[in-house]
mmCIF file of all heavy atoms, coordinates in Angstrom:
data_MODEL
# 
_entry.id   MODEL 
# 
loop_
_atom_site.group_PDB 
_atom_site.id 
_atom_site.type_symbol 
_atom_site.label_atom_id 
_atom_site.label_alt_id 
_atom_site.label_comp_id 
_atom_site.label_asym_id 
_atom_site.label_entity_id 
_atom_site.label_seq_id 
_atom_site.pdbx_PDB_ins_code 
_atom_site.Cartn_x 
_atom_site.Cartn_y 
_atom_site.Cartn_z 
_atom_site.occupancy 
_atom_site.B_iso_or_equiv 
_atom_site.pdbx_formal_charge 
_atom_site.auth_seq_id 
_atom_site.auth_comp_id 
_atom_site.auth_asym_id 
_atom_site.auth_atom_id 
_atom_site.pdbx_PDB_model_num 
ATOM 1   N N   . ALA A 1 1  ? 51.203 107.164 22.680 1.00 0.00 ? 1  ALA A N   1 
ATOM 2   C CA  . ALA A 1 1  ? 51.259 107.892 21.415 1.00 0.00 ? 1  ALA A CA  1 
ATOM 3   C C   . ALA A 1 1  ? 50.027 107.608 20.560 1.00 0.00 ? 1  ALA A C   1 
ATOM 4   O O   . ALA A 1 1  ? 49.432 108.525 19.977 1.00 0.00 ? 1  ALA A O   1 
ATOM 5   C CB  . ALA A 1 1  ? 52.532 107.521 20.651 1.00 0.00 ? 1  ALA A CB  1 
ATOM 6   N N   . LEU A 1 2  ? 49.634 106.344 20.485 1.00 0.00 ? 2  LEU A N   1 
ATOM 7   C CA  . LEU A 1 2  ? 48.457 105.995 19.693 1.00 0.00 ? 2  LEU A CA  1 
ATOM 8   C C   . LEU A 1 2  ? 47.197 106.574 20.310 1.00 0.00 ? 2  LEU A C   1 
ATOM 9   O O   . LEU A 1 2  ? 46.308 107.069 19.601 1.00 0.00 ? 2  LEU A O   1 
ATOM 10  C CB  . LEU A 1 2  ? 48.337 104.474 19.570 1.00 0.00 ? 2  LEU A CB  1 
ATOM 11  C CG  . LEU A 1 2  ? 47.133 103.946 18.793 1.00 0.00 ? 2  LEU A CG  1 
ATOM 12  C CD1 . LEU A 1 2  ? 47.087 104.531 17.387 1.00 0.00 ? 2  LEU A CD1 1 
ATOM 13  C CD2 . LEU A 1 2  ? 47.149 102.424 18.728 1.00 0.00 ? 2  LEU A CD2 1 
ATOM 14  N N   . ARG A 1 3  ? 47.119 106.539 21.628 1.00 0.00 ? 3  ARG A N   1 
ATOM 15  C CA  . ARG A 1 3  ? 45.936 107.085 22.297 1.00 0.00 ? 3  ARG A CA  1 
ATOM 16  C C   . ARG A 1 3  ? 45.787 108.573 21.992 1.00 0.00 ? 3  ARG A C   1 
ATOM 17  O O   . ARG A 1 3  ? 44.684 109.065 21.707 1.00 0.00 ? 3  ARG A O   1 
ATOM 18  C CB  . ARG A 1 3  ? 46.023 106.857 23.806 1.00 0.00 ? 3  ARG A CB  1 
ATOM 19  C CG  . ARG A 1 3  ? 44.754 107.295 24.558 1.00 0.00 ? 3  ARG A CG  1 
ATOM 20  C CD  . ARG A 1 3  ? 44.764 106.857 26.004 1.00 0.00 ? 3  ARG A CD  1 
ATOM 21  N NE  . ARG A 1 3  ? 45.809 107.510 26.791 1.00 0.00 ? 3  ARG A NE  1 
ATOM 22  C CZ  . ARG A 1 3  ? 46.924 106.910 27.229 1.00 0.00 ? 3  ARG A CZ  1 
ATOM 23  N NH1 . ARG A 1 3  ? 47.140 105.633 26.954 1.00 0.00 ? 3  ARG A NH1 1 
ATOM 24  N NH2 . ARG A 1 3  ? 47.804 107.569 27.939 1.00 0.00 ? 3  ARG A NH2 1 
ATOM 25  N N   . THR A 1 4  ? 46.890 109.292 22.013 1.00 0.00 ? 4  THR A N   1 
ATOM 26  C CA  . THR A 1 4  ? 46.853 110.725 21.712 1.00 0.00 ? 4  THR A CA  1 
ATOM 27  C C   . THR A 1 4  ? 46.406 110.970 20.267 1.00 0.00 ? 4  THR A C   1 
ATOM 28  O O   . THR A 1 4  ? 45.590 111.859 19.992 1.00 0.00 ? 4  THR A O   1 
ATOM 29  C CB  . THR A 1 4  ? 48.237 111.354 21.935 1.00 0.00 ? 4  THR A CB  1 
ATOM 30  O OG1 . THR A 1 4  ? 48.606 111.181 23.304 1.00 0.00 ? 4  THR A OG1 1 
ATOM 31  C CG2 . THR A 1 4  ? 48.219 112.839 21.596 1.00 0.00 ? 4  THR A CG2 1 
ATOM 32  N N   . ALA A 1 5  ? 46.936 110.162 19.343 1.00 0.00 ? 5  ALA A N   1 
ATOM 33  C CA  . ALA A 1 5  ? 46.554 110.313 17.933 1.00 0.00 ? 5  ALA A CA  1 
ATOM 34  C C   . ALA A 1 5  ? 45.070 110.031 17.734 1.00 0.00 ? 5  ALA A C   1 
ATOM 35  O O   . ALA A 1 5  ? 44.387 110.732 16.970 1.00 0.00 ? 5  ALA A O   1 
ATOM 36  C CB  . ALA A 1 5  ? 47.395 109.382 17.074 1.00 0.00 ? 5  ALA A CB  1 
ATOM 37  N N   . LEU A 1 6  ? 44.559 109.003 18.406 1.00 0.00 ? 6  LEU A N   1 
ATOM 38  C CA  . LEU A 1 6  ? 43.142 108.671 18.284 1.00 0.00 ? 6  LEU A CA  1 
ATOM 39  C C   . LEU A 1 6  ? 42.258 109.758 18.883 1.00 0.00 ? 6  LEU A C   1 
ATOM 40  O O   . LEU A 1 6  ? 41.207 110.095 18.330 1.00 0.00 ? 6  LEU A O   1 
ATOM 41  C CB  . LEU A 1 6  ? 42.864 107.322 18.962 1.00 0.00 ? 6  LEU A CB  1 
ATOM 42  C CG  . LEU A 1 6  ? 43.464 106.085 18.289 1.00 0.00 ? 6  LEU A CG  1 
ATOM 43  C CD1 . LEU A 1 6  ? 43.223 104.850 19.149 1.00 0.00 ? 6  LEU A CD1 1 
ATOM 44  C CD2 . LEU A 1 6  ? 42.871 105.878 16.901 1.00 0.00 ? 6  LEU A CD2 1 
ATOM 45  N N   . LEU A 1 7  ? 42.680 110.308 19.993 1.00 0.00 ? 7  LEU A N   1 
ATOM 46  C CA  . LEU A 1 7  ? 41.909 111.391 20.607 1.00 0.00 ? 7  LEU A CA  1 
ATOM 47  C C   . LEU A 1 7  ? 41.807 112.590 19.675 1.00 0.00 ? 7  LEU A C   1 
ATOM 48  O O   . LEU A 1 7  ? 40.736 113.186 19.523 1.00 0.00 ? 7  LEU A O   1 
ATOM 49  C CB  . LEU A 1 7  ? 42.563 111.805 21.932 1.00 0.00 ? 7  LEU A CB  1 
ATOM 50  C CG  . LEU A 1 7  ? 42.384 110.841 23.108 1.00 0.00 ? 7  LEU A CG  1 
ATOM 51  C CD1 . LEU A 1 7  ? 43.294 111.238 24.271 1.00 0.00 ? 7  LEU A CD1 1 
ATOM 52  C CD2 . LEU A 1 7  ? 40.933 110.816 23.570 1.00 0.00 ? 7  LEU A CD2 1 
ATOM 53  N N   . ASP A 1 8  ? 42.929 112.927 19.027 1.00 0.00 ? 8  ASP A N   1 
ATOM 54  C CA  . ASP A 1 8  ? 42.917 114.063 18.097 1.00 0.00 ? 8  ASP A CA  1 
ATOM 55  C C   . ASP A 1 8  ? 41.994 113.778 16.912 1.00 0.00 ? 8  ASP A C   1 
ATOM 56  O O   . ASP A 1 8  ? 41.240 114.652 16.473 1.00 0.00 ? 8  ASP A O   1 
ATOM 57  C CB  . ASP A 1 8  ? 44.335 114.332 17.594 1.00 0.00 ? 8  ASP A CB  1 
ATOM 58  C CG  . ASP A 1 8  ? 45.243 114.893 18.685 1.00 0.00 ? 8  ASP A CG  1 
ATOM 59  O OD1 . ASP A 1 8  ? 44.702 115.382 19.696 1.00 0.00 ? 8  ASP A OD1 1 
ATOM 60  O OD2 . ASP A 1 8  ? 46.473 114.832 18.521 1.00 0.00 ? 8  ASP A OD2 1 
ATOM 61  N N   . ALA A 1 9  ? 42.067 112.544 16.387 1.00 0.00 ? 9  ALA A N   1 
ATOM 62  C CA  . ALA A 1 9  ? 41.261 112.192 15.214 1.00 0.00 ? 9  ALA A CA  1 
ATOM 63  C C   . ALA A 1 9  ? 39.775 112.207 15.539 1.00 0.00 ? 9  ALA A C   1 
ATOM 64  O O   . ALA A 1 9  ? 38.949 112.722 14.766 1.00 0.00 ? 9  ALA A O   1 
ATOM 65  C CB  . ALA A 1 9  ? 41.675 110.826 14.694 1.00 0.00 ? 9  ALA A CB  1 
ATOM 66  N N   . VAL A 1 10 ? 39.406 111.643 16.677 1.00 0.00 ? 10 VAL A N   1 
ATOM 67  C CA  . VAL A 1 10 ? 37.997 111.567 17.054 1.00 0.00 ? 10 VAL A CA  1 
ATOM 68  C C   . VAL A 1 10 ? 37.431 112.951 17.348 1.00 0.00 ? 10 VAL A C   1 
ATOM 69  O O   . VAL A 1 10 ? 36.310 113.279 16.954 1.00 0.00 ? 10 VAL A O   1 
ATOM 70  C CB  . VAL A 1 10 ? 37.829 110.628 18.261 1.00 0.00 ? 10 VAL A CB  1 
ATOM 71  C CG1 . VAL A 1 10 ? 36.426 110.725 18.823 1.00 0.00 ? 10 VAL A CG1 1 
ATOM 72  C CG2 . VAL A 1 10 ? 38.115 109.193 17.866 1.00 0.00 ? 10 VAL A CG2 1 
ATOM 73  N N   . ALA A 1 11 ? 38.229 113.774 18.031 1.00 0.00 ? 11 ALA A N   1 
ATOM 74  C CA  . ALA A 1 11 ? 37.767 115.129 18.322 1.00 0.00 ? 11 ALA A CA  1 
ATOM 75  C C   . ALA A 1 11 ? 37.519 115.900 17.038 1.00 0.00 ? 11 ALA A C   1 
ATOM 76  O O   . ALA A 1 11 ? 36.578 116.691 16.934 1.00 0.00 ? 11 ALA A O   1 
ATOM 77  C CB  . ALA A 1 11 ? 38.787 115.846 19.198 1.00 0.00 ? 11 ALA A CB  1 
ATOM 78  N N   . GLY A 1 12 ? 38.341 115.631 16.014 1.00 0.00 ? 12 GLY A N   1 
ATOM 79  C CA  . GLY A 1 12 ? 38.153 116.290 14.728 1.00 0.00 ? 12 GLY A CA  1 
ATOM 80  C C   . GLY A 1 12 ? 36.918 115.843 13.992 1.00 0.00 ? 12 GLY A C   1 
ATOM 81  O O   . GLY A 1 12 ? 36.484 116.493 13.047 1.00 0.00 ? 12 GLY A O   1 
ATOM 82  N N   . SER A 1 13 ? 36.331 114.701 14.407 1.00 0.00 ? 13 SER A N   1 
ATOM 83  C CA  . SER A 1 13 ? 35.112 114.187 13.780 1.00 0.00 ? 13 SER A CA  1 
ATOM 84  C C   . SER A 1 13 ? 33.857 114.635 14.510 1.00 0.00 ? 13 SER A C   1 
ATOM 85  O O   . SER A 1 13 ? 32.759 114.162 14.208 1.00 0.00 ? 13 SER A O   1 
ATOM 86  C CB  . SER A 1 13 ? 35.159 112.653 13.732 1.00 0.00 ? 13 SER A CB  1 
ATOM 87  O OG  . SER A 1 13 ? 36.249 112.222 12.954 1.00 0.00 ? 13 SER A OG  1 
ATOM 88  N N   . GLY A 1 14 ? 34.027 115.514 15.504 1.00 0.00 ? 14 GLY A N   1 
ATOM 89  C CA  . GLY A 1 14 ? 32.859 116.064 16.184 1.00 0.00 ? 14 GLY A CA  1 
ATOM 90  C C   . GLY A 1 14 ? 32.467 115.359 17.471 1.00 0.00 ? 14 GLY A C   1 
ATOM 91  O O   . GLY A 1 14 ? 31.382 115.594 17.987 1.00 0.00 ? 14 GLY A O   1 
ATOM 92  N N   . TRP A 1 15 ? 33.336 114.500 17.991 1.00 0.00 ? 15 TRP A N   1 
ATOM 93  C CA  . TRP A 1 15 ? 33.054 113.812 19.242 1.00 0.00 ? 15 TRP A CA  1 
ATOM 94  C C   . TRP A 1 15 ? 33.798 114.493 20.393 1.00 0.00 ? 15 TRP A C   1 
ATOM 95  O O   . TRP A 1 15 ? 34.895 115.015 20.211 1.00 0.00 ? 15 TRP A O   1 
ATOM 96  C CB  . TRP A 1 15 ? 33.494 112.349 19.177 1.00 0.00 ? 15 TRP A CB  1 
ATOM 97  C CG  . TRP A 1 15 ? 32.664 111.488 18.282 1.00 0.00 ? 15 TRP A CG  1 
ATOM 98  C CD1 . TRP A 1 15 ? 32.604 111.546 16.923 1.00 0.00 ? 15 TRP A CD1 1 
ATOM 99  C CD2 . TRP A 1 15 ? 31.791 110.437 18.678 1.00 0.00 ? 15 TRP A CD2 1 
ATOM 100 N NE1 . TRP A 1 15 ? 31.742 110.592 16.431 1.00 0.00 ? 15 TRP A NE1 1 
ATOM 101 C CE2 . TRP A 1 15 ? 31.222 109.885 17.494 1.00 0.00 ? 15 TRP A CE2 1 
ATOM 102 C CE3 . TRP A 1 15 ? 31.427 109.880 19.893 1.00 0.00 ? 15 TRP A CE3 1 
ATOM 103 C CZ2 . TRP A 1 15 ? 30.324 108.834 17.511 1.00 0.00 ? 15 TRP A CZ2 1 
ATOM 104 C CZ3 . TRP A 1 15 ? 30.537 108.835 19.917 1.00 0.00 ? 15 TRP A CZ3 1 
ATOM 105 C CH2 . TRP A 1 15 ? 29.978 108.318 18.737 1.00 0.00 ? 15 TRP A CH2 1 
ATOM 106 N N   . GLN A 1 16 ? 33.231 114.444 21.585 1.00 0.00 ? 16 GLN A N   1 
ATOM 107 C CA  . GLN A 1 16 ? 33.944 114.838 22.790 1.00 0.00 ? 16 GLN A CA  1 
ATOM 108 C C   . GLN A 1 16 ? 34.668 113.595 23.302 1.00 0.00 ? 16 GLN A C   1 
ATOM 109 O O   . GLN A 1 16 ? 34.031 112.603 23.652 1.00 0.00 ? 16 GLN A O   1 
ATOM 110 C CB  . GLN A 1 16 ? 32.973 115.361 23.846 1.00 0.00 ? 16 GLN A CB  1 
ATOM 111 C CG  . GLN A 1 16 ? 33.651 115.760 25.150 1.00 0.00 ? 16 GLN A CG  1 
ATOM 112 C CD  . GLN A 1 16 ? 32.643 116.211 26.194 1.00 0.00 ? 16 GLN A CD  1 
ATOM 113 O OE1 . GLN A 1 16 ? 31.540 116.609 25.858 1.00 0.00 ? 16 GLN A OE1 1 
ATOM 114 N NE2 . GLN A 1 16 ? 33.026 116.124 27.455 1.00 0.00 ? 16 GLN A NE2 1 
ATOM 115 N N   . ALA A 1 17 ? 35.989 113.626 23.316 1.00 0.00 ? 17 ALA A N   1 
ATOM 116 C CA  . ALA A 1 17 ? 36.764 112.418 23.570 1.00 0.00 ? 17 ALA A CA  1 
ATOM 117 C C   . ALA A 1 17 ? 37.631 112.552 24.824 1.00 0.00 ? 17 ALA A C   1 
ATOM 118 O O   . ALA A 1 17 ? 38.171 113.624 25.119 1.00 0.00 ? 17 ALA A O   1 
ATOM 119 C CB  . ALA A 1 17 ? 37.649 112.099 22.367 1.00 0.00 ? 17 ALA A CB  1 
ATOM 120 N N   . GLU A 1 18 ? 37.761 111.449 25.562 1.00 0.00 ? 18 GLU A N   1 
ATOM 121 C CA  . GLU A 1 18 ? 38.697 111.336 26.679 1.00 0.00 ? 18 GLU A CA  1 
ATOM 122 C C   . GLU A 1 18 ? 39.398 109.997 26.551 1.00 0.00 ? 18 GLU A C   1 
ATOM 123 O O   . GLU A 1 18 ? 38.878 109.051 25.937 1.00 0.00 ? 18 GLU A O   1 
ATOM 124 C CB  . GLU A 1 18 ? 37.973 111.434 28.025 1.00 0.00 ? 18 GLU A CB  1 
ATOM 125 C CG  . GLU A 1 18 ? 37.378 112.809 28.302 1.00 0.00 ? 18 GLU A CG  1 
ATOM 126 C CD  . GLU A 1 18 ? 36.870 112.929 29.727 1.00 0.00 ? 18 GLU A CD  1 
ATOM 127 O OE1 . GLU A 1 18 ? 37.539 112.405 30.654 1.00 0.00 ? 18 GLU A OE1 1 
ATOM 128 O OE2 . GLU A 1 18 ? 35.795 113.524 29.908 1.00 0.00 ? 18 GLU A OE2 1 
ATOM 129 N N   . GLY A 1 19 ? 40.591 109.909 27.144 1.00 0.00 ? 19 GLY A N   1 
ATOM 130 C CA  . GLY A 1 19 ? 41.383 108.699 27.020 1.00 0.00 ? 19 GLY A CA  1 
ATOM 131 C C   . GLY A 1 19 ? 41.788 108.113 28.349 1.00 0.00 ? 19 GLY A C   1 
ATOM 132 O O   . GLY A 1 19 ? 41.801 108.794 29.379 1.00 0.00 ? 19 GLY A O   1 
ATOM 133 N N   . ALA A 1 20 ? 42.104 106.823 28.323 1.00 0.00 ? 20 ALA A N   1 
ATOM 134 C CA  . ALA A 1 20 ? 42.584 106.114 29.507 1.00 0.00 ? 20 ALA A CA  1 
ATOM 135 C C   . ALA A 1 20 ? 43.493 104.988 29.044 1.00 0.00 ? 20 ALA A C   1 
ATOM 136 O O   . ALA A 1 20 ? 43.288 104.416 27.963 1.00 0.00 ? 20 ALA A O   1 
ATOM 137 C CB  . ALA A 1 20 ? 41.419 105.565 30.330 1.00 0.00 ? 20 ALA A CB  1 
ATOM 138 N N   . ALA A 1 21 ? 44.502 104.667 29.865 1.00 0.00 ? 21 ALA A N   1 
ATOM 139 C CA  . ALA A 1 21 ? 45.427 103.588 29.525 1.00 0.00 ? 21 ALA A CA  1 
ATOM 140 C C   . ALA A 1 21 ? 44.818 102.223 29.789 1.00 0.00 ? 21 ALA A C   1 
ATOM 141 O O   . ALA A 1 21 ? 45.242 101.227 29.206 1.00 0.00 ? 21 ALA A O   1 
ATOM 142 C CB  . ALA A 1 21 ? 46.730 103.744 30.306 1.00 0.00 ? 21 ALA A CB  1 
ATOM 143 N N   . SER A 1 22 ? 43.813 102.160 30.665 1.00 0.00 ? 22 SER A N   1 
ATOM 144 C CA  . SER A 1 22 ? 43.157 100.896 30.990 1.00 0.00 ? 22 SER A CA  1 
ATOM 145 C C   . SER A 1 22 ? 41.760 101.191 31.501 1.00 0.00 ? 22 SER A C   1 
ATOM 146 O O   . SER A 1 22 ? 41.421 102.347 31.803 1.00 0.00 ? 22 SER A O   1 
ATOM 147 C CB  . SER A 1 22 ? 43.945 100.127 32.061 1.00 0.00 ? 22 SER A CB  1 
ATOM 148 O OG  . SER A 1 22 ? 43.912 100.834 33.297 1.00 0.00 ? 22 SER A OG  1 
ATOM 149 N N   . LEU A 1 23 ? 40.950 100.149 31.610 1.00 0.00 ? 23 LEU A N   1 
ATOM 150 C CA  . LEU A 1 23 ? 39.605 100.345 32.143 1.00 0.00 ? 23 LEU A CA  1 
ATOM 151 C C   . LEU A 1 23 ? 39.640 100.814 33.587 1.00 0.00 ? 23 LEU A C   1 
ATOM 152 O O   . LEU A 1 23 ? 38.793 101.590 34.028 1.00 0.00 ? 23 LEU A O   1 
ATOM 153 C CB  . LEU A 1 23 ? 38.812 99.032  32.040 1.00 0.00 ? 23 LEU A CB  1 
ATOM 154 C CG  . LEU A 1 23 ? 38.266 98.684  30.657 1.00 0.00 ? 23 LEU A CG  1 
ATOM 155 C CD1 . LEU A 1 23 ? 37.581 97.339  30.681 1.00 0.00 ? 23 LEU A CD1 1 
ATOM 156 C CD2 . LEU A 1 23 ? 37.308 99.756  30.158 1.00 0.00 ? 23 LEU A CD2 1 
ATOM 157 N N   . GLN A 1 24 ? 40.630 100.333 34.335 1.00 0.00 ? 24 GLN A N   1 
ATOM 158 C CA  . GLN A 1 24 ? 40.752 100.747 35.730 1.00 0.00 ? 24 GLN A CA  1 
ATOM 159 C C   . GLN A 1 24 ? 41.024 102.248 35.836 1.00 0.00 ? 24 GLN A C   1 
ATOM 160 O O   . GLN A 1 24 ? 40.653 102.896 36.806 1.00 0.00 ? 24 GLN A O   1 
ATOM 161 C CB  . GLN A 1 24 ? 41.878 99.968  36.424 1.00 0.00 ? 24 GLN A CB  1 
ATOM 162 C CG  . GLN A 1 24 ? 41.563 98.502  36.689 1.00 0.00 ? 24 GLN A CG  1 
ATOM 163 C CD  . GLN A 1 24 ? 41.555 97.668  35.415 1.00 0.00 ? 24 GLN A CD  1 
ATOM 164 O OE1 . GLN A 1 24 ? 42.207 98.025  34.433 1.00 0.00 ? 24 GLN A OE1 1 
ATOM 165 N NE2 . GLN A 1 24 ? 40.813 96.571  35.407 1.00 0.00 ? 24 GLN A NE2 1 
ATOM 166 N N   . GLY A 1 25 ? 41.665 102.793 34.810 1.00 0.00 ? 25 GLY A N   1 
ATOM 167 C CA  . GLY A 1 25 ? 41.977 104.215 34.845 1.00 0.00 ? 25 GLY A CA  1 
ATOM 168 C C   . GLY A 1 25 ? 40.993 105.070 34.093 1.00 0.00 ? 25 GLY A C   1 
ATOM 169 O O   . GLY A 1 25 ? 41.245 106.244 33.854 1.00 0.00 ? 25 GLY A O   1 
ATOM 170 N N   . SER A 1 26 ? 39.865 104.496 33.684 1.00 0.00 ? 26 SER A N   1 
ATOM 171 C CA  . SER A 1 26 ? 38.886 105.261 32.906 1.00 0.00 ? 26 SER A CA  1 
ATOM 172 C C   . SER A 1 26 ? 38.188 106.287 33.784 1.00 0.00 ? 26 SER A C   1 
ATOM 173 O O   . SER A 1 26 ? 37.980 106.052 34.981 1.00 0.00 ? 26 SER A O   1 
ATOM 174 C CB  . SER A 1 26 ? 37.861 104.326 32.260 1.00 0.00 ? 26 SER A CB  1 
ATOM 175 O OG  . SER A 1 26 ? 37.161 103.607 33.247 1.00 0.00 ? 26 SER A OG  1 
ATOM 176 N N   . PRO A 1 27 ? 37.802 107.448 33.221 1.00 0.00 ? 27 PRO A N   1 
ATOM 177 C CA  . PRO A 1 27 ? 37.257 108.551 34.015 1.00 0.00 ? 27 PRO A CA  1 
ATOM 178 C C   . PRO A 1 27 ? 35.949 108.247 34.729 1.00 0.00 ? 27 PRO A C   1 
ATOM 179 O O   . PRO A 1 27 ? 35.765 108.629 35.864 1.00 0.00 ? 27 PRO A O   1 
ATOM 180 C CB  . PRO A 1 27 ? 37.065 109.665 32.976 1.00 0.00 ? 27 PRO A CB  1 
ATOM 181 C CG  . PRO A 1 27 ? 37.992 109.316 31.859 1.00 0.00 ? 27 PRO A CG  1 
ATOM 182 C CD  . PRO A 1 27 ? 38.024 107.817 31.828 1.00 0.00 ? 27 PRO A CD  1 
ATOM 183 N N   . THR A 1 28 ? 35.008 107.593 34.067 1.00 0.00 ? 28 THR A N   1 
ATOM 184 C CA  . THR A 1 28 ? 33.702 107.350 34.684 1.00 0.00 ? 28 THR A CA  1 
ATOM 185 C C   . THR A 1 28 ? 33.171 106.006 34.238 1.00 0.00 ? 28 THR A C   1 
ATOM 186 O O   . THR A 1 28 ? 33.832 105.259 33.537 1.00 0.00 ? 28 THR A O   1 
ATOM 187 C CB  . THR A 1 28 ? 32.689 108.447 34.274 1.00 0.00 ? 28 THR A CB  1 
ATOM 188 O OG1 . THR A 1 28 ? 32.637 108.518 32.849 1.00 0.00 ? 28 THR A OG1 1 
ATOM 189 C CG2 . THR A 1 28 ? 33.092 109.809 34.815 1.00 0.00 ? 28 THR A CG2 1 
ATOM 190 N N   . ASP A 1 29 ? 31.937 105.696 34.643 1.00 0.00 ? 29 ASP A N   1 
ATOM 191 C CA  . ASP A 1 29 ? 31.354 104.408 34.279 1.00 0.00 ? 29 ASP A CA  1 
ATOM 192 C C   . ASP A 1 29 ? 30.924 104.399 32.821 1.00 0.00 ? 29 ASP A C   1 
ATOM 193 O O   . ASP A 1 29 ? 30.770 105.439 32.179 1.00 0.00 ? 29 ASP A O   1 
ATOM 194 C CB  . ASP A 1 29 ? 30.146 104.106 35.178 1.00 0.00 ? 29 ASP A CB  1 
ATOM 195 C CG  . ASP A 1 29 ? 29.015 105.087 34.945 1.00 0.00 ? 29 ASP A CG  1 
ATOM 196 O OD1 . ASP A 1 29 ? 29.180 106.281 35.298 1.00 0.00 ? 29 ASP A OD1 1 
ATOM 197 O OD2 . ASP A 1 29 ? 27.993 104.675 34.397 1.00 0.00 ? 29 ASP A OD2 1 
ATOM 198 N N   . ALA A 1 30 ? 30.708 103.171 32.290 1.00 0.00 ? 30 ALA A N   1 
ATOM 199 C CA  . ALA A 1 30 ? 30.434 102.987 30.865 1.00 0.00 ? 30 ALA A CA  1 
ATOM 200 C C   . ALA A 1 30 ? 29.167 103.696 30.418 1.00 0.00 ? 30 ALA A C   1 
ATOM 201 O O   . ALA A 1 30 ? 29.093 104.190 29.290 1.00 0.00 ? 30 ALA A O   1 
ATOM 202 C CB  . ALA A 1 30 ? 30.340 101.492 30.548 1.00 0.00 ? 30 ALA A CB  1 
# 
């Protein structure tokens, strides 16, 4: 729930945002 809220907030600030539950599940490298 918090991750979804943060994604919405960041996207509203002009960032392209993606989320992950852990680093192991992150989409790409840092």
